[in-house]
Amino acid sequence: DALDRIWQEEWEQNLVNTAFRKMRAKVSSQQLLIFRLATVNELPLSQV
């Protein structure tokens, strides 16, 4: 179970990282940064 938990956590993070790399060709760097700060970093929108 220990490795299965590690694998699942890293798999989910890898999905997120891969998605962000794919997004670079679809949106501007500023829009992607706004999304990262607001969702991944969970900053209030006013602070972003």
ModelCIF file with pLDDT and N, C-alpha, C, O atoms, coordinates in Angstrom:
data_MODEL
#
_entry.id   MODEL 
#
_entity.id                         1 
_entity.type                       polymer 
_entity.pdbx_number_of_molecules   1 
#
_entity_poly.entity_id                      1 
_entity_poly.type                           'polypeptide(L)' 
_entity_poly.nstd_linkage                   no 
_entity_poly.nstd_monomer                   no 
_entity_poly.pdbx_seq_one_letter_code       DALDRIWQEEWEQNLVNTAFRKMRAKVSSQQLLIFRLATVNELPLSQV 
_entity_poly.pdbx_seq_one_letter_code_can   DALDRIWQEEWEQNLVNTAFRKMRAKVSSQQLLIFRLATVNELPLSQV 
_entity_poly.pdbx_strand_id                 A 
#
loop_
_entity_poly_seq.entity_id 
_entity_poly_seq.num 
_entity_poly_seq.mon_id 
_entity_poly_seq.hetero 
1 1  ASP n 
1 2  ALA n 
1 3  LEU n 
1 4  ASP n 
1 5  ARG n 
1 6  ILE n 
1 7  TRP n 
1 8  GLN n 
1 9  GLU n 
1 10 GLU n 
1 11 TRP n 
1 12 GLU n 
1 13 GLN n 
1 14 ASN n 
1 15 LEU n 
1 16 VAL n 
1 17 ASN n 
1 18 THR n 
1 19 ALA n 
1 20 PHE n 
1 21 ARG n 
1 22 LYS n 
1 23 MET n 
1 24 ARG n 
1 25 ALA n 
1 26 LYS n 
1 27 VAL n 
1 28 SER n 
1 29 SER n 
1 30 GLN n 
1 31 GLN n 
1 32 LEU n 
1 33 LEU n 
1 34 ILE n 
1 35 PHE n 
1 36 ARG n 
1 37 LEU n 
1 38 ALA n 
1 39 THR n 
1 40 VAL n 
1 41 ASN n 
1 42 GLU n 
1 43 LEU n 
1 44 PRO n 
1 45 LEU n 
1 46 SER n 
1 47 GLN n 
1 48 VAL n 
#
_struct_asym.id          A 
_struct_asym.entity_id   1 
#
loop_
_ma_qa_metric.id 
_ma_qa_metric.mode 
_ma_qa_metric.name 
_ma_qa_metric.software_group_id 
_ma_qa_metric.type 
1 global pLDDT . pLDDT 
2 local  pLDDT . pLDDT 
#
_ma_qa_metric_global.metric_id      1 
_ma_qa_metric_global.metric_value   90.88 
_ma_qa_metric_global.model_id       1 
_ma_qa_metric_global.ordinal_id     1 
#
loop_
_ma_qa_metric_local.label_asym_id 
_ma_qa_metric_local.label_comp_id 
_ma_qa_metric_local.label_seq_id 
_ma_qa_metric_local.metric_id 
_ma_qa_metric_local.metric_value 
_ma_qa_metric_local.model_id 
_ma_qa_metric_local.ordinal_id 
A ASP 1  2 73.00 1 1  
A ALA 2  2 82.00 1 2  
A LEU 3  2 84.00 1 3  
A ASP 4  2 86.00 1 4  
A ARG 5  2 90.00 1 5  
A ILE 6  2 92.00 1 6  
A TRP 7  2 92.00 1 7  
A GLN 8  2 92.00 1 8  
A GLU 9  2 93.00 1 9  
A GLU 10 2 94.00 1 10 
A TRP 11 2 93.00 1 11 
A GLU 12 2 92.00 1 12 
A GLN 13 2 92.00 1 13 
A ASN 14 2 92.00 1 14 
A LEU 15 2 91.00 1 15 
A VAL 16 2 91.00 1 16 
A ASN 17 2 90.00 1 17 
A THR 18 2 90.00 1 18 
A ALA 19 2 91.00 1 19 
A PHE 20 2 91.00 1 20 
A ARG 21 2 89.00 1 21 
A LYS 22 2 88.00 1 22 
A MET 23 2 90.00 1 23 
A ARG 24 2 89.00 1 24 
A ALA 25 2 89.00 1 25 
A LYS 26 2 90.00 1 26 
A VAL 27 2 92.00 1 27 
A SER 28 2 93.00 1 28 
A SER 29 2 93.00 1 29 
A GLN 30 2 94.00 1 30 
A GLN 31 2 94.00 1 31 
A LEU 32 2 93.00 1 32 
A LEU 33 2 94.00 1 33 
A ILE 34 2 95.00 1 34 
A PHE 35 2 94.00 1 35 
A ARG 36 2 92.00 1 36 
A LEU 37 2 94.00 1 37 
A ALA 38 2 92.00 1 38 
A THR 39 2 90.00 1 39 
A VAL 40 2 85.00 1 40 
A ASN 41 2 88.00 1 41 
A GLU 42 2 90.00 1 42 
A LEU 43 2 92.00 1 43 
A PRO 44 2 94.00 1 44 
A LEU 45 2 94.00 1 45 
A SER 46 2 94.00 1 46 
A GLN 47 2 95.00 1 47 
A VAL 48 2 94.00 1 48 
#
loop_
_atom_site.group_PDB 
_atom_site.id 
_atom_site.type_symbol 
_atom_site.label_atom_id 
_atom_site.label_alt_id 
_atom_site.label_comp_id 
_atom_site.label_asym_id 
_atom_site.label_entity_id 
_atom_site.label_seq_id 
_atom_site.pdbx_PDB_ins_code 
_atom_site.Cartn_x 
_atom_site.Cartn_y 
_atom_site.Cartn_z 
_atom_site.occupancy 
_atom_site.B_iso_or_equiv 
_atom_site.pdbx_formal_charge 
_atom_site.auth_seq_id 
_atom_site.auth_comp_id 
_atom_site.auth_asym_id 
_atom_site.auth_atom_id 
_atom_site.pdbx_PDB_model_num 
ATOM 1   N N  . ASP A 1 1  ? 0.810  -1.213 0.000   1.00 73.00 ? 1  ASP A N  1 
ATOM 2   C CA . ASP A 1 1  ? 0.000  0.000  0.000   1.00 73.00 ? 1  ASP A CA 1 
ATOM 3   C C  . ASP A 1 1  ? 0.844  1.264  0.000   1.00 73.00 ? 1  ASP A C  1 
ATOM 4   O O  . ASP A 1 1  ? 0.443  2.272  -0.583  1.00 73.00 ? 1  ASP A O  1 
ATOM 5   N N  . ALA A 1 2  ? 2.004  1.229  0.643   1.00 82.00 ? 2  ALA A N  1 
ATOM 6   C CA . ALA A 1 2  ? 2.826  2.440  0.735   1.00 82.00 ? 2  ALA A CA 1 
ATOM 7   C C  . ALA A 1 2  ? 3.235  2.929  -0.643  1.00 82.00 ? 2  ALA A C  1 
ATOM 8   O O  . ALA A 1 2  ? 3.107  4.115  -0.947  1.00 82.00 ? 2  ALA A O  1 
ATOM 9   N N  . LEU A 1 3  ? 3.723  2.029  -1.473  1.00 84.00 ? 3  LEU A N  1 
ATOM 10  C CA . LEU A 1 3  ? 4.128  2.434  -2.815  1.00 84.00 ? 3  LEU A CA 1 
ATOM 11  C C  . LEU A 1 3  ? 2.925  2.843  -3.653  1.00 84.00 ? 3  LEU A C  1 
ATOM 12  O O  . LEU A 1 3  ? 3.012  3.769  -4.459  1.00 84.00 ? 3  LEU A O  1 
ATOM 13  N N  . ASP A 1 4  ? 1.806  2.158  -3.465  1.00 86.00 ? 4  ASP A N  1 
ATOM 14  C CA . ASP A 1 4  ? 0.597  2.524  -4.206  1.00 86.00 ? 4  ASP A CA 1 
ATOM 15  C C  . ASP A 1 4  ? 0.174  3.949  -3.881  1.00 86.00 ? 4  ASP A C  1 
ATOM 16  O O  . ASP A 1 4  ? -0.241 4.693  -4.770  1.00 86.00 ? 4  ASP A O  1 
ATOM 17  N N  . ARG A 1 5  ? 0.276  4.336  -2.610  1.00 90.00 ? 5  ARG A N  1 
ATOM 18  C CA . ARG A 1 5  ? -0.066 5.712  -2.219  1.00 90.00 ? 5  ARG A CA 1 
ATOM 19  C C  . ARG A 1 5  ? 0.909  6.708  -2.828  1.00 90.00 ? 5  ARG A C  1 
ATOM 20  O O  . ARG A 1 5  ? 0.510  7.755  -3.337  1.00 90.00 ? 5  ARG A O  1 
ATOM 21  N N  . ILE A 1 6  ? 2.201  6.367  -2.768  1.00 92.00 ? 6  ILE A N  1 
ATOM 22  C CA . ILE A 1 6  ? 3.219  7.244  -3.364  1.00 92.00 ? 6  ILE A CA 1 
ATOM 23  C C  . ILE A 1 6  ? 2.958  7.405  -4.852  1.00 92.00 ? 6  ILE A C  1 
ATOM 24  O O  . ILE A 1 6  ? 2.985  8.514  -5.384  1.00 92.00 ? 6  ILE A O  1 
ATOM 25  N N  . TRP A 1 7  ? 2.703  6.271  -5.525  1.00 92.00 ? 7  TRP A N  1 
ATOM 26  C CA . TRP A 1 7  ? 2.468  6.308  -6.965  1.00 92.00 ? 7  TRP A CA 1 
ATOM 27  C C  . TRP A 1 7  ? 1.269  7.175  -7.301  1.00 92.00 ? 7  TRP A C  1 
ATOM 28  O O  . TRP A 1 7  ? 1.341  7.992  -8.219  1.00 92.00 ? 7  TRP A O  1 
ATOM 29  N N  . GLN A 1 8  ? 0.159  7.017  -6.573  1.00 92.00 ? 8  GLN A N  1 
ATOM 30  C CA . GLN A 1 8  ? -1.055 7.777  -6.865  1.00 92.00 ? 8  GLN A CA 1 
ATOM 31  C C  . GLN A 1 8  ? -0.829 9.275  -6.682  1.00 92.00 ? 8  GLN A C  1 
ATOM 32  O O  . GLN A 1 8  ? -1.273 10.080 -7.500  1.00 92.00 ? 8  GLN A O  1 
ATOM 33  N N  . GLU A 1 9  ? -0.140 9.642  -5.612  1.00 93.00 ? 9  GLU A N  1 
ATOM 34  C CA . GLU A 1 9  ? 0.144  11.059 -5.371  1.00 93.00 ? 9  GLU A CA 1 
ATOM 35  C C  . GLU A 1 9  ? 1.009  11.640 -6.491  1.00 93.00 ? 9  GLU A C  1 
ATOM 36  O O  . GLU A 1 9  ? 0.721  12.719 -7.010  1.00 93.00 ? 9  GLU A O  1 
ATOM 37  N N  . GLU A 1 10 ? 2.057  10.926 -6.855  1.00 94.00 ? 10 GLU A N  1 
ATOM 38  C CA . GLU A 1 10 ? 2.958  11.424 -7.892  1.00 94.00 ? 10 GLU A CA 1 
ATOM 39  C C  . GLU A 1 10 ? 2.294  11.399 -9.264  1.00 94.00 ? 10 GLU A C  1 
ATOM 40  O O  . GLU A 1 10 ? 2.565  12.263 -10.097 1.00 94.00 ? 10 GLU A O  1 
ATOM 41  N N  . TRP A 1 11 ? 1.427  10.415 -9.506  1.00 93.00 ? 11 TRP A N  1 
ATOM 42  C CA . TRP A 1 11 ? 0.703  10.348 -10.772 1.00 93.00 ? 11 TRP A CA 1 
ATOM 43  C C  . TRP A 1 11 ? -0.192 11.576 -10.944 1.00 93.00 ? 11 TRP A C  1 
ATOM 44  O O  . TRP A 1 11 ? -0.225 12.187 -12.012 1.00 93.00 ? 11 TRP A O  1 
ATOM 45  N N  . GLU A 1 12 ? -0.914 11.928 -9.883  1.00 92.00 ? 12 GLU A N  1 
ATOM 46  C CA . GLU A 1 12 ? -1.798 13.096 -9.951  1.00 92.00 ? 12 GLU A CA 1 
ATOM 47  C C  . GLU A 1 12 ? -0.995 14.362 -10.200 1.00 92.00 ? 12 GLU A C  1 
ATOM 48  O O  . GLU A 1 12 ? -1.398 15.207 -11.000 1.00 92.00 ? 12 GLU A O  1 
ATOM 49  N N  . GLN A 1 13 ? 0.144  14.501 -9.517  1.00 92.00 ? 13 GLN A N  1 
ATOM 50  C CA . GLN A 1 13 ? 0.977  15.680 -9.712  1.00 92.00 ? 13 GLN A CA 1 
ATOM 51  C C  . GLN A 1 13 ? 1.541  15.711 -11.120 1.00 92.00 ? 13 GLN A C  1 
ATOM 52  O O  . GLN A 1 13 ? 1.653  16.778 -11.722 1.00 92.00 ? 13 GLN A O  1 
ATOM 53  N N  . ASN A 1 14 ? 1.898  14.546 -11.650 1.00 92.00 ? 14 ASN A N  1 
ATOM 54  C CA . ASN A 1 14 ? 2.427  14.476 -13.006 1.00 92.00 ? 14 ASN A CA 1 
ATOM 55  C C  . ASN A 1 14 ? 1.364  14.868 -14.029 1.00 92.00 ? 14 ASN A C  1 
ATOM 56  O O  . ASN A 1 14 ? 1.672  15.516 -15.029 1.00 92.00 ? 14 ASN A O  1 
ATOM 57  N N  . LEU A 1 15 ? 0.112  14.476 -13.780 1.00 91.00 ? 15 LEU A N  1 
ATOM 58  C CA . LEU A 1 15 ? -0.982 14.895 -14.664 1.00 91.00 ? 15 LEU A CA 1 
ATOM 59  C C  . LEU A 1 15 ? -1.103 16.416 -14.691 1.00 91.00 ? 15 LEU A C  1 
ATOM 60  O O  . LEU A 1 15 ? -1.250 17.021 -15.753 1.00 91.00 ? 15 LEU A O  1 
ATOM 61  N N  . VAL A 1 16 ? -1.039 17.017 -13.522 1.00 91.00 ? 16 VAL A N  1 
ATOM 62  C CA . VAL A 1 16 ? -1.145 18.475 -13.427 1.00 91.00 ? 16 VAL A CA 1 
ATOM 63  C C  . VAL A 1 16 ? 0.010  19.144 -14.163 1.00 91.00 ? 16 VAL A C  1 
ATOM 64  O O  . VAL A 1 16 ? -0.203 20.076 -14.938 1.00 91.00 ? 16 VAL A O  1 
ATOM 65  N N  . ASN A 1 17 ? 1.230  18.672 -13.924 1.00 90.00 ? 17 ASN A N  1 
ATOM 66  C CA . ASN A 1 17 ? 2.399  19.273 -14.583 1.00 90.00 ? 17 ASN A CA 1 
ATOM 67  C C  . ASN A 1 17 ? 2.341  19.117 -16.100 1.00 90.00 ? 17 ASN A C  1 
ATOM 68  O O  . ASN A 1 17 ? 2.686  20.037 -16.842 1.00 90.00 ? 17 ASN A O  1 
ATOM 69  N N  . THR A 1 18 ? 1.899  17.937 -16.555 1.00 90.00 ? 18 THR A N  1 
ATOM 70  C CA . THR A 1 18 ? 1.786  17.709 -17.999 1.00 90.00 ? 18 THR A CA 1 
ATOM 71  C C  . THR A 1 18 ? 0.729  18.615 -18.603 1.00 90.00 ? 18 THR A C  1 
ATOM 72  O O  . THR A 1 18 ? 0.921  19.175 -19.682 1.00 90.00 ? 18 THR A O  1 
ATOM 73  N N  . ALA A 1 19 ? -0.383 18.757 -17.906 1.00 91.00 ? 19 ALA A N  1 
ATOM 74  C CA . ALA A 1 19 ? -1.451 19.637 -18.389 1.00 91.00 ? 19 ALA A CA 1 
ATOM 75  C C  . ALA A 1 19 ? -0.966 21.070 -18.516 1.00 91.00 ? 19 ALA A C  1 
ATOM 76  O O  . ALA A 1 19 ? -1.274 21.747 -19.497 1.00 91.00 ? 19 ALA A O  1 
ATOM 77  N N  . PHE A 1 20 ? -0.207 21.538 -17.528 1.00 91.00 ? 20 PHE A N  1 
ATOM 78  C CA . PHE A 1 20 ? 0.324  22.900 -17.590 1.00 91.00 ? 20 PHE A CA 1 
ATOM 79  C C  . PHE A 1 20 ? 1.272  23.064 -18.775 1.00 91.00 ? 20 PHE A C  1 
ATOM 80  O O  . PHE A 1 20 ? 1.253  24.099 -19.441 1.00 91.00 ? 20 PHE A O  1 
ATOM 81  N N  . ARG A 1 21 ? 2.106  22.048 -19.045 1.00 89.00 ? 21 ARG A N  1 
ATOM 82  C CA . ARG A 1 21 ? 3.007  22.145 -20.203 1.00 89.00 ? 21 ARG A CA 1 
ATOM 83  C C  . ARG A 1 21 ? 2.215  22.221 -21.503 1.00 89.00 ? 21 ARG A C  1 
ATOM 84  O O  . ARG A 1 21 ? 2.568  22.981 -22.405 1.00 89.00 ? 21 ARG A O  1 
ATOM 85  N N  . LYS A 1 22 ? 1.149  21.436 -21.601 1.00 88.00 ? 22 LYS A N  1 
ATOM 86  C CA . LYS A 1 22 ? 0.313  21.471 -22.801 1.00 88.00 ? 22 LYS A CA 1 
ATOM 87  C C  . LYS A 1 22 ? -0.387 22.818 -22.950 1.00 88.00 ? 22 LYS A C  1 
ATOM 88  O O  . LYS A 1 22 ? -0.624 23.280 -24.066 1.00 88.00 ? 22 LYS A O  1 
ATOM 89  N N  . MET A 1 23 ? -0.713 23.439 -21.834 1.00 90.00 ? 23 MET A N  1 
ATOM 90  C CA . MET A 1 23 ? -1.466 24.693 -21.868 1.00 90.00 ? 23 MET A CA 1 
ATOM 91  C C  . MET A 1 23 ? -0.632 25.864 -22.387 1.00 90.00 ? 23 MET A C  1 
ATOM 92  O O  . MET A 1 23 ? -1.184 26.867 -22.837 1.00 90.00 ? 23 MET A O  1 
ATOM 93  N N  . ARG A 1 24 ? 0.675  25.740 -22.326 1.00 89.00 ? 24 ARG A N  1 
ATOM 94  C CA . ARG A 1 24 ? 1.533  26.845 -22.754 1.00 89.00 ? 24 ARG A CA 1 
ATOM 95  C C  . ARG A 1 24 ? 1.323  27.221 -24.210 1.00 89.00 ? 24 ARG A C  1 
ATOM 96  O O  . ARG A 1 24 ? 1.545  28.366 -24.603 1.00 89.00 ? 24 ARG A O  1 
ATOM 97  N N  . ALA A 1 25 ? 0.890  26.240 -25.019 1.00 89.00 ? 25 ALA A N  1 
ATOM 98  C CA . ALA A 1 25 ? 0.670  26.506 -26.439 1.00 89.00 ? 25 ALA A CA 1 
ATOM 99  C C  . ALA A 1 25 ? -0.736 27.040 -26.711 1.00 89.00 ? 25 ALA A C  1 
ATOM 100 O O  . ALA A 1 25 ? -1.054 27.402 -27.844 1.00 89.00 ? 25 ALA A O  1 
ATOM 101 N N  . LYS A 1 26 ? -1.576 27.091 -25.679 1.00 90.00 ? 26 LYS A N  1 
ATOM 102 C CA . LYS A 1 26 ? -2.973 27.461 -25.878 1.00 90.00 ? 26 LYS A CA 1 
ATOM 103 C C  . LYS A 1 26 ? -3.352 28.800 -25.257 1.00 90.00 ? 26 LYS A C  1 
ATOM 104 O O  . LYS A 1 26 ? -4.303 29.439 -25.707 1.00 90.00 ? 26 LYS A O  1 
ATOM 105 N N  . VAL A 1 27 ? -2.627 29.230 -24.237 1.00 92.00 ? 27 VAL A N  1 
ATOM 106 C CA . VAL A 1 27 ? -2.945 30.489 -23.570 1.00 92.00 ? 27 VAL A CA 1 
ATOM 107 C C  . VAL A 1 27 ? -1.665 31.281 -23.360 1.00 92.00 ? 27 VAL A C  1 
ATOM 108 O O  . VAL A 1 27 ? -0.566 30.739 -23.480 1.00 92.00 ? 27 VAL A O  1 
ATOM 109 N N  . SER A 1 28 ? -1.807 32.552 -23.050 1.00 93.00 ? 28 SER A N  1 
ATOM 110 C CA . SER A 1 28 ? -0.631 33.390 -22.821 1.00 93.00 ? 28 SER A CA 1 
ATOM 111 C C  . SER A 1 28 ? 0.014  33.031 -21.488 1.00 93.00 ? 28 SER A C  1 
ATOM 112 O O  . SER A 1 28 ? -0.624 32.457 -20.605 1.00 93.00 ? 28 SER A O  1 
ATOM 113 N N  . SER A 1 29 ? 1.286  33.381 -21.363 1.00 93.00 ? 29 SER A N  1 
ATOM 114 C CA . SER A 1 29 ? 2.005  33.097 -20.118 1.00 93.00 ? 29 SER A CA 1 
ATOM 115 C C  . SER A 1 29 ? 1.382  33.845 -18.945 1.00 93.00 ? 29 SER A C  1 
ATOM 116 O O  . SER A 1 29 ? 1.371  33.340 -17.823 1.00 93.00 ? 29 SER A O  1 
ATOM 117 N N  . GLN A 1 30 ? 0.862  35.049 -19.199 1.00 94.00 ? 30 GLN A N  1 
ATOM 118 C CA . GLN A 1 30 ? 0.236  35.819 -18.128 1.00 94.00 ? 30 GLN A CA 1 
ATOM 119 C C  . GLN A 1 30 ? -1.040 35.134 -17.631 1.00 94.00 ? 30 GLN A C  1 
ATOM 120 O O  . GLN A 1 30 ? -1.269 35.032 -16.425 1.00 94.00 ? 30 GLN A O  1 
ATOM 121 N N  . GLN A 1 31 ? -1.875 34.665 -18.577 1.00 94.00 ? 31 GLN A N  1 
ATOM 122 C CA . GLN A 1 31 ? -3.095 33.983 -18.179 1.00 94.00 ? 31 GLN A CA 1 
ATOM 123 C C  . GLN A 1 31 ? -2.800 32.707 -17.404 1.00 94.00 ? 31 GLN A C  1 
ATOM 124 O O  . GLN A 1 31 ? -3.492 32.379 -16.441 1.00 94.00 ? 31 GLN A O  1 
ATOM 125 N N  . LEU A 1 32 ? -1.759 31.988 -17.836 1.00 93.00 ? 32 LEU A N  1 
ATOM 126 C CA . LEU A 1 32 ? -1.389 30.755 -17.145 1.00 93.00 ? 32 LEU A CA 1 
ATOM 127 C C  . LEU A 1 32 ? -0.874 31.059 -15.742 1.00 93.00 ? 32 LEU A C  1 
ATOM 128 O O  . LEU A 1 32 ? -1.163 30.323 -14.798 1.00 93.00 ? 32 LEU A O  1 
ATOM 129 N N  . LEU A 1 33 ? -0.118 32.133 -15.607 1.00 94.00 ? 33 LEU A N  1 
ATOM 130 C CA . LEU A 1 33 ? 0.395  32.527 -14.294 1.00 94.00 ? 33 LEU A CA 1 
ATOM 131 C C  . LEU A 1 33 ? -0.749 32.935 -13.372 1.00 94.00 ? 33 LEU A C  1 
ATOM 132 O O  . LEU A 1 33 ? -0.755 32.582 -12.193 1.00 94.00 ? 33 LEU A O  1 
ATOM 133 N N  . ILE A 1 34 ? -1.706 33.670 -13.904 1.00 95.00 ? 34 ILE A N  1 
ATOM 134 C CA . ILE A 1 34 ? -2.877 34.053 -13.104 1.00 95.00 ? 34 ILE A CA 1 
ATOM 135 C C  . ILE A 1 34 ? -3.587 32.811 -12.581 1.00 95.00 ? 34 ILE A C  1 
ATOM 136 O O  . ILE A 1 34 ? -3.956 32.745 -11.408 1.00 95.00 ? 34 ILE A O  1 
ATOM 137 N N  . PHE A 1 35 ? -3.774 31.831 -13.454 1.00 94.00 ? 35 PHE A N  1 
ATOM 138 C CA . PHE A 1 35 ? -4.458 30.604 -13.052 1.00 94.00 ? 35 PHE A CA 1 
ATOM 139 C C  . PHE A 1 35 ? -3.662 29.855 -11.990 1.00 94.00 ? 35 PHE A C  1 
ATOM 140 O O  . PHE A 1 35 ? -4.236 29.364 -11.018 1.00 94.00 ? 35 PHE A O  1 
ATOM 141 N N  . ARG A 1 36 ? -2.352 29.763 -12.166 1.00 92.00 ? 36 ARG A N  1 
ATOM 142 C CA . ARG A 1 36 ? -1.504 29.083 -11.180 1.00 92.00 ? 36 ARG A CA 1 
ATOM 143 C C  . ARG A 1 36 ? -1.600 29.752 -9.812  1.00 92.00 ? 36 ARG A C  1 
ATOM 144 O O  . ARG A 1 36 ? -1.799 29.087 -8.796  1.00 92.00 ? 36 ARG A O  1 
ATOM 145 N N  . LEU A 1 37 ? -1.457 31.070 -9.800  1.00 94.00 ? 37 LEU A N  1 
ATOM 146 C CA . LEU A 1 37 ? -1.483 31.801 -8.529  1.00 94.00 ? 37 LEU A CA 1 
ATOM 147 C C  . LEU A 1 37 ? -2.834 31.661 -7.831  1.00 94.00 ? 37 LEU A C  1 
ATOM 148 O O  . LEU A 1 37 ? -2.905 31.523 -6.610  1.00 94.00 ? 37 LEU A O  1 
ATOM 149 N N  . ALA A 1 38 ? -3.911 31.699 -8.631  1.00 92.00 ? 38 ALA A N  1 
ATOM 150 C CA . ALA A 1 38 ? -5.254 31.678 -8.052  1.00 92.00 ? 38 ALA A CA 1 
ATOM 151 C C  . ALA A 1 38 ? -5.699 30.287 -7.627  1.00 92.00 ? 38 ALA A C  1 
ATOM 152 O O  . ALA A 1 38 ? -6.496 30.149 -6.699  1.00 92.00 ? 38 ALA A O  1 
ATOM 153 N N  . THR A 1 39 ? -5.197 29.265 -8.289  1.00 90.00 ? 39 THR A N  1 
ATOM 154 C CA . THR A 1 39 ? -5.671 27.905 -8.007  1.00 90.00 ? 39 THR A CA 1 
ATOM 155 C C  . THR A 1 39 ? -4.627 27.062 -7.272  1.00 90.00 ? 39 THR A C  1 
ATOM 156 O O  . THR A 1 39 ? -4.898 26.532 -6.194  1.00 90.00 ? 39 THR A O  1 
ATOM 157 N N  . VAL A 1 40 ? -3.443 26.941 -7.856  1.00 85.00 ? 40 VAL A N  1 
ATOM 158 C CA . VAL A 1 40 ? -2.403 26.123 -7.220  1.00 85.00 ? 40 VAL A CA 1 
ATOM 159 C C  . VAL A 1 40 ? -1.900 26.790 -5.948  1.00 85.00 ? 40 VAL A C  1 
ATOM 160 O O  . VAL A 1 40 ? -1.805 26.144 -4.905  1.00 85.00 ? 40 VAL A O  1 
ATOM 161 N N  . ASN A 1 41 ? -1.576 28.086 -6.026  1.00 88.00 ? 41 ASN A N  1 
ATOM 162 C CA . ASN A 1 41 ? -1.076 28.814 -4.857  1.00 88.00 ? 41 ASN A CA 1 
ATOM 163 C C  . ASN A 1 41 ? -2.195 29.326 -3.952  1.00 88.00 ? 41 ASN A C  1 
ATOM 164 O O  . ASN A 1 41 ? -1.952 29.758 -2.825  1.00 88.00 ? 41 ASN A O  1 
ATOM 165 N N  . GLU A 1 42 ? -3.420 29.270 -4.465  1.00 90.00 ? 42 GLU A N  1 
ATOM 166 C CA . GLU A 1 42 ? -4.618 29.656 -3.693  1.00 90.00 ? 42 GLU A CA 1 
ATOM 167 C C  . GLU A 1 42 ? -4.538 31.075 -3.146  1.00 90.00 ? 42 GLU A C  1 
ATOM 168 O O  . GLU A 1 42 ? -4.956 31.335 -2.017  1.00 90.00 ? 42 GLU A O  1 
ATOM 169 N N  . LEU A 1 43 ? -3.999 31.997 -3.951  1.00 92.00 ? 43 LEU A N  1 
ATOM 170 C CA . LEU A 1 43 ? -3.981 33.397 -3.556  1.00 92.00 ? 43 LEU A CA 1 
ATOM 171 C C  . LEU A 1 43 ? -5.351 34.020 -3.806  1.00 92.00 ? 43 LEU A C  1 
ATOM 172 O O  . LEU A 1 43 ? -6.007 33.675 -4.789  1.00 92.00 ? 43 LEU A O  1 
ATOM 173 N N  . PRO A 1 44 ? -5.798 34.928 -2.942  1.00 94.00 ? 44 PRO A N  1 
ATOM 174 C CA . PRO A 1 44 ? -7.034 35.675 -3.227  1.00 94.00 ? 44 PRO A CA 1 
ATOM 175 C C  . PRO A 1 44 ? -6.903 36.414 -4.554  1.00 94.00 ? 44 PRO A C  1 
ATOM 176 O O  . PRO A 1 44 ? -5.826 36.898 -4.901  1.00 94.00 ? 44 PRO A O  1 
ATOM 177 N N  . LEU A 1 45 ? -8.004 36.497 -5.291  1.00 94.00 ? 45 LEU A N  1 
ATOM 178 C CA . LEU A 1 45 ? -7.950 37.100 -6.619  1.00 94.00 ? 45 LEU A CA 1 
ATOM 179 C C  . LEU A 1 45 ? -7.477 38.550 -6.577  1.00 94.00 ? 45 LEU A C  1 
ATOM 180 O O  . LEU A 1 45 ? -6.790 39.012 -7.488  1.00 94.00 ? 45 LEU A O  1 
ATOM 181 N N  . SER A 1 46 ? -7.846 39.260 -5.519  1.00 94.00 ? 46 SER A N  1 
ATOM 182 C CA . SER A 1 46 ? -7.402 40.651 -5.401  1.00 94.00 ? 46 SER A CA 1 
ATOM 183 C C  . SER A 1 46 ? -5.886 40.728 -5.268  1.00 94.00 ? 46 SER A C  1 
ATOM 184 O O  . SER A 1 46 ? -5.264 41.645 -5.806  1.00 94.00 ? 46 SER A O  1 
ATOM 185 N N  . GLN A 1 47 ? -5.280 39.768 -4.552  1.00 95.00 ? 47 GLN A N  1 
ATOM 186 C CA . GLN A 1 47 ? -3.820 39.745 -4.414  1.00 95.00 ? 47 GLN A CA 1 
ATOM 187 C C  . GLN A 1 47 ? -3.148 39.376 -5.735  1.00 95.00 ? 47 GLN A C  1 
ATOM 188 O O  . GLN A 1 47 ? -2.074 39.886 -6.056  1.00 95.00 ? 47 GLN A O  1 
ATOM 189 N N  . VAL A 1 48 ? -3.779 38.493 -6.492  1.00 94.00 ? 48 VAL A N  1 
ATOM 190 C CA . VAL A 1 48 ? -3.236 38.129 -7.801  1.00 94.00 ? 48 VAL A CA 1 
ATOM 191 C C  . VAL A 1 48 ? -3.213 39.355 -8.705  1.00 94.00 ? 48 VAL A C  1 
ATOM 192 O O  . VAL A 1 48 ? -2.790 39.264 -9.857  1.00 94.00 ? 48 VAL A O  1 
#
